[in-house]
């Protein structure tokens, strides 16, 4: 009698996002996907192709790279099983946009001023986004609601964030003198910002204070001396 075990089937363990099979999900994996996207070094191994498709749509593209980057750089968690339908969709950057989420304030940032928001924001896990108008009637300015739906029918809401354009505190999506006036009024106590999201948008030098230094940064931006980055925390 042969006591040797018979192999019936062999499986390969997959850690989604770990393209180089080193057991971690890091910037190196982003680089591998970027090489693949730009046809410099195509991923040919079936298991690695499967691991790279972290936005499970059957395509390895910028959305996959962006999601892995957010995980590696900012600690945004990815599900162990990206095909788990109970995993809620979340916002990611489109076309390489450096988009970040702040879950304490429920804000999304990284979109340039006065731009088409749909060119910069995408969603994972077959979700859908809806862009609502803010208090200034804009869908692309600070405090514009970005609603995440669970699917394209847009019947069920998974989450809601508010857009932040750093330097835009009047919600018109542009960084102008009127924003400086609003911050000056806030500092003088004439018209205090009534929520943390506007305070977050006004803190353009990311020092957790709203003061004359922020006004100087905004004025330099307006005058073309220096530019306020869409994602000042990146």
Protein backbone atom coordinates (compact mmCIF):
# COMPACT_ATOMS: atom_id res chain seq x y z
CA UNK A 1 0.00 0.00 0.00
CA UNK A 2 1.36 3.41 -0.96
CA UNK A 3 1.40 5.69 2.09
CA UNK A 4 2.36 8.78 0.11
CA UNK A 5 -0.23 11.57 0.15
CA UNK A 6 -1.93 12.33 -3.10
CA UNK A 7 -2.20 16.00 -4.07
CA UNK A 8 -5.75 16.60 -5.22
CA UNK A 9 -5.60 20.36 -5.77
CA UNK A 10 -3.16 23.19 -5.09
CA UNK A 11 -4.15 26.77 -4.30
CA UNK A 12 -2.16 29.98 -4.45
CA UNK A 13 -2.54 32.45 -1.58
CA UNK A 14 -3.33 35.98 -2.78
CA UNK A 15 -2.80 39.16 -0.75
CA UNK A 16 -4.57 41.79 -2.82
CA UNK A 17 -2.22 44.68 -3.54
CA UNK A 18 0.96 42.69 -2.89
CA UNK A 19 2.18 42.43 -6.47
CA UNK A 20 5.82 41.61 -5.74
CA UNK A 21 4.87 38.87 -3.25
CA UNK A 22 6.93 40.24 -0.35
CA UNK A 23 4.03 39.93 2.09
CA UNK A 24 3.36 43.67 2.38
CA UNK A 25 1.41 46.26 0.38
CA UNK A 26 3.65 49.23 -0.27
CA UNK A 27 4.77 51.89 -2.76
CA UNK A 28 6.81 49.29 -4.66
CA UNK A 29 3.57 47.57 -5.62
CA UNK A 30 2.25 50.89 -6.95
CA UNK A 31 5.38 51.17 -9.08
CA UNK A 32 4.81 47.73 -10.57
CA UNK A 33 1.27 48.65 -11.56
CA UNK A 34 2.42 51.99 -13.01
CA UNK A 35 5.00 50.12 -15.12
CA UNK A 36 2.25 47.80 -16.30
CA UNK A 37 -0.15 50.64 -17.14
CA UNK A 38 2.47 52.49 -19.18
CA UNK A 39 3.57 49.31 -21.00
CA UNK A 40 7.10 49.43 -19.61
CA UNK A 41 7.02 46.08 -17.82
CA UNK A 42 3.75 44.19 -18.19
CA UNK A 43 2.49 41.90 -15.45
CA UNK A 44 2.11 38.47 -17.04
CA UNK A 45 1.73 36.11 -14.09
CA UNK A 46 -1.97 35.25 -13.60
CA UNK A 47 -1.77 35.32 -9.80
CA UNK A 48 -0.09 38.73 -9.82
CA UNK A 49 -2.65 40.08 -12.29
CA UNK A 50 -5.40 38.90 -9.93
CA UNK A 51 -3.63 40.50 -6.93
CA UNK A 52 -3.18 43.79 -8.79
CA UNK A 53 -6.89 44.20 -9.58
CA UNK A 54 -7.75 45.66 -6.17
CA UNK A 55 -10.68 47.58 -7.66
CA UNK A 56 -12.21 44.36 -8.96
CA UNK A 57 -13.32 45.33 -12.44
CA UNK A 58 -11.14 42.97 -14.49
CA UNK A 59 -8.77 45.78 -15.52
CA UNK A 60 -5.43 46.86 -14.08
CA UNK A 61 -5.44 50.64 -14.30
CA UNK A 62 -4.85 53.88 -12.41
CA UNK A 63 -7.69 53.17 -9.98
CA UNK A 64 -5.83 50.11 -8.70
CA UNK A 65 -2.59 52.05 -8.33
CA UNK A 66 -4.34 54.91 -6.53
CA UNK A 67 -6.04 52.60 -4.03
CA UNK A 68 -2.78 50.81 -3.20
CA UNK A 69 -1.02 54.19 -2.84
CA UNK A 70 -3.67 55.41 -0.39
CA UNK A 71 -3.19 52.24 1.63
CA UNK A 72 0.60 52.46 1.61
CA UNK A 73 0.97 56.22 2.13
CA UNK A 74 -2.00 57.10 4.33
CA UNK A 75 -3.01 53.82 5.97
CA UNK A 76 -6.40 53.65 4.26
CA UNK A 77 -7.40 50.04 4.75
CA UNK A 78 -8.20 47.68 1.89
CA UNK A 79 -10.34 44.57 2.40
CA UNK A 80 -8.56 41.23 2.47
CA UNK A 81 -11.19 40.05 0.00
CA UNK A 82 -11.94 42.77 -2.55
CA UNK A 83 -14.76 40.63 -3.89
CA UNK A 84 -16.59 40.75 -0.57
CA UNK A 85 -19.83 42.52 -1.49
CA UNK A 86 -20.31 43.68 2.09
CA UNK A 87 -17.29 45.94 1.73
CA UNK A 88 -18.52 49.52 1.44
CA UNK A 89 -17.36 51.56 -1.57
CA UNK A 90 -15.05 54.47 -0.88
CA UNK A 91 -13.66 57.47 -2.75
CA UNK A 92 -10.36 57.21 -4.62
CA UNK A 93 -8.52 59.50 -7.01
CA UNK A 94 -9.07 59.32 -10.75
CA UNK A 95 -6.28 59.62 -13.35
CA UNK A 96 -3.55 59.79 -10.71
CA UNK A 97 -5.18 62.52 -8.61
CA UNK A 98 -3.72 62.63 -5.09
CA UNK A 99 -6.99 62.38 -3.18
CA UNK A 100 -7.24 61.96 0.60
CA UNK A 101 -10.07 61.41 3.07
CA UNK A 102 -10.32 62.68 6.64
CA UNK A 103 -12.76 60.38 8.41
CA UNK A 104 -12.85 62.53 11.55
CA UNK A 105 -14.23 65.53 9.67
CA UNK A 106 -15.72 63.42 6.86
CA UNK A 107 -13.99 65.52 4.21
CA UNK A 108 -12.32 64.70 0.90
CA UNK A 109 -9.53 66.86 -0.52
CA UNK A 110 -6.99 66.91 -3.33
CA UNK A 111 -9.19 68.43 -6.05
CA UNK A 112 -7.79 71.65 -7.62
CA UNK A 113 -9.77 74.88 -7.38
CA UNK A 114 -12.39 75.68 -10.01
CA UNK A 115 -12.20 72.25 -11.66
CA UNK A 116 -14.58 69.55 -12.81
CA UNK A 117 -14.83 67.32 -9.75
CA UNK A 118 -15.78 64.29 -11.85
CA UNK A 119 -12.31 64.38 -13.44
CA UNK A 120 -10.68 63.78 -10.05
CA UNK A 121 -12.91 61.55 -7.93
CA UNK A 122 -13.80 57.91 -8.46
CA UNK A 123 -15.27 55.16 -6.29
CA UNK A 124 -14.36 51.57 -5.48
CA UNK A 125 -16.39 48.36 -5.28
CA UNK A 126 -18.88 49.19 -8.04
CA UNK A 127 -20.27 52.14 -6.09
CA UNK A 128 -21.45 55.43 -7.55
CA UNK A 129 -20.92 59.08 -6.62
CA UNK A 130 -23.38 61.95 -6.54
CA UNK A 131 -22.18 65.54 -6.27
CA UNK A 132 -24.54 67.92 -4.50
CA UNK A 133 -24.44 71.71 -4.31
CA UNK A 134 -23.07 73.54 -1.25
CA UNK A 135 -24.30 76.74 0.42
CA UNK A 136 -22.89 78.74 -2.53
CA UNK A 137 -24.71 76.61 -5.09
CA UNK A 138 -21.50 74.89 -6.24
CA UNK A 139 -20.81 71.18 -6.57
CA UNK A 140 -17.04 71.72 -6.79
CA UNK A 141 -16.39 74.10 -3.89
CA UNK A 142 -15.64 73.69 -0.22
CA UNK A 143 -18.50 72.07 1.71
CA UNK A 144 -20.01 70.50 -1.42
CA UNK A 145 -21.45 67.10 -0.38
CA UNK A 146 -20.03 64.03 -2.13
CA UNK A 147 -22.46 61.15 -1.62
CA UNK A 148 -21.24 57.55 -2.00
CA UNK A 149 -23.91 55.13 -3.20
CA UNK A 150 -23.61 51.37 -2.95
CA UNK A 151 -24.36 50.84 -6.64
CA UNK A 152 -25.22 52.66 -9.85
CA UNK A 153 -28.93 52.77 -9.01
CA UNK A 154 -28.06 55.42 -6.39
CA UNK A 155 -30.86 54.26 -4.12
CA UNK A 156 -28.75 53.28 -1.10
CA UNK A 157 -26.24 55.65 0.50
CA UNK A 158 -23.04 54.11 1.87
CA UNK A 159 -21.42 57.32 3.11
CA UNK A 160 -21.14 61.06 2.62
CA UNK A 161 -18.12 63.35 2.60
CA UNK A 162 -17.70 67.09 2.11
CA UNK A 163 -15.28 68.50 -0.44
CA UNK A 164 -12.52 70.82 0.77
CA UNK A 165 -10.63 73.16 -1.54
CA UNK A 166 -7.88 74.61 0.63
CA UNK A 167 -8.16 78.40 0.61
CA UNK A 168 -11.75 78.38 -0.65
CA UNK A 169 -13.83 79.26 2.42
CA UNK A 170 -16.72 80.97 0.63
CA UNK A 171 -17.56 77.79 -1.28
CA UNK A 172 -17.33 79.22 -4.80
CA UNK A 173 -14.53 76.73 -5.70
CA UNK A 174 -12.03 79.56 -6.35
CA UNK A 175 -9.30 81.02 -4.16
CA UNK A 176 -9.85 84.79 -4.29
CA UNK A 177 -9.76 87.99 -2.27
CA UNK A 178 -13.22 87.19 -0.94
CA UNK A 179 -11.71 84.21 0.89
CA UNK A 180 -9.14 86.52 2.50
CA UNK A 181 -11.97 88.82 3.58
CA UNK A 182 -13.87 85.88 5.09
CA UNK A 183 -10.82 84.79 7.09
CA UNK A 184 -10.17 88.36 8.24
CA UNK A 185 -13.78 88.60 9.40
CA UNK A 186 -13.36 85.31 11.24
CA UNK A 187 -10.20 86.54 12.99
CA UNK A 188 -11.84 89.87 13.88
CA UNK A 189 -14.84 88.07 15.34
CA UNK A 190 -17.23 89.70 12.90
CA UNK A 191 -18.32 86.47 11.19
CA UNK A 192 -16.95 83.33 12.82
CA UNK A 193 -16.76 80.13 10.78
CA UNK A 194 -19.60 78.00 12.11
CA UNK A 195 -18.09 74.57 11.45
CA UNK A 196 -14.80 72.70 11.51
CA UNK A 197 -14.81 72.04 7.76
CA UNK A 198 -14.49 75.74 6.91
CA UNK A 199 -11.76 76.04 9.53
CA UNK A 200 -9.98 73.07 7.93
CA UNK A 201 -10.19 74.77 4.50
CA UNK A 202 -8.82 78.04 5.91
CA UNK A 203 -5.76 76.41 7.50
CA UNK A 204 -3.75 76.46 4.27
CA UNK A 205 -0.36 76.10 5.94
CA UNK A 206 -1.51 73.02 7.89
CA UNK A 207 -0.40 74.23 11.32
CA UNK A 208 -3.83 73.71 12.95
CA UNK A 209 -4.23 77.47 13.39
CA UNK A 210 -6.13 80.10 11.43
CA UNK A 211 -4.12 83.33 11.49
CA UNK A 212 -2.37 85.97 9.41
CA UNK A 213 0.04 83.35 8.08
CA UNK A 214 -2.82 81.64 6.26
CA UNK A 215 -3.90 84.97 4.77
CA UNK A 216 -0.35 85.52 3.52
CA UNK A 217 -0.26 82.07 1.89
CA UNK A 218 -3.59 82.71 0.14
CA UNK A 219 -2.47 86.17 -1.01
CA UNK A 220 0.74 84.70 -2.44
CA UNK A 221 -1.34 82.11 -4.27
CA UNK A 222 -3.60 84.78 -5.76
CA UNK A 223 -0.61 86.86 -6.83
CA UNK A 224 1.15 83.88 -8.41
CA UNK A 225 4.08 83.95 -5.97
CA UNK A 226 3.38 80.47 -4.58
CA UNK A 227 0.73 77.84 -5.17
CA UNK A 228 -1.53 76.20 -2.61
CA UNK A 229 -1.41 72.50 -3.42
CA UNK A 230 -4.79 70.74 -3.73
CA UNK A 231 -3.54 68.25 -1.13
CA UNK A 232 -1.44 70.20 1.37
CA UNK A 233 -0.94 67.11 3.53
CA UNK A 234 0.61 64.97 0.80
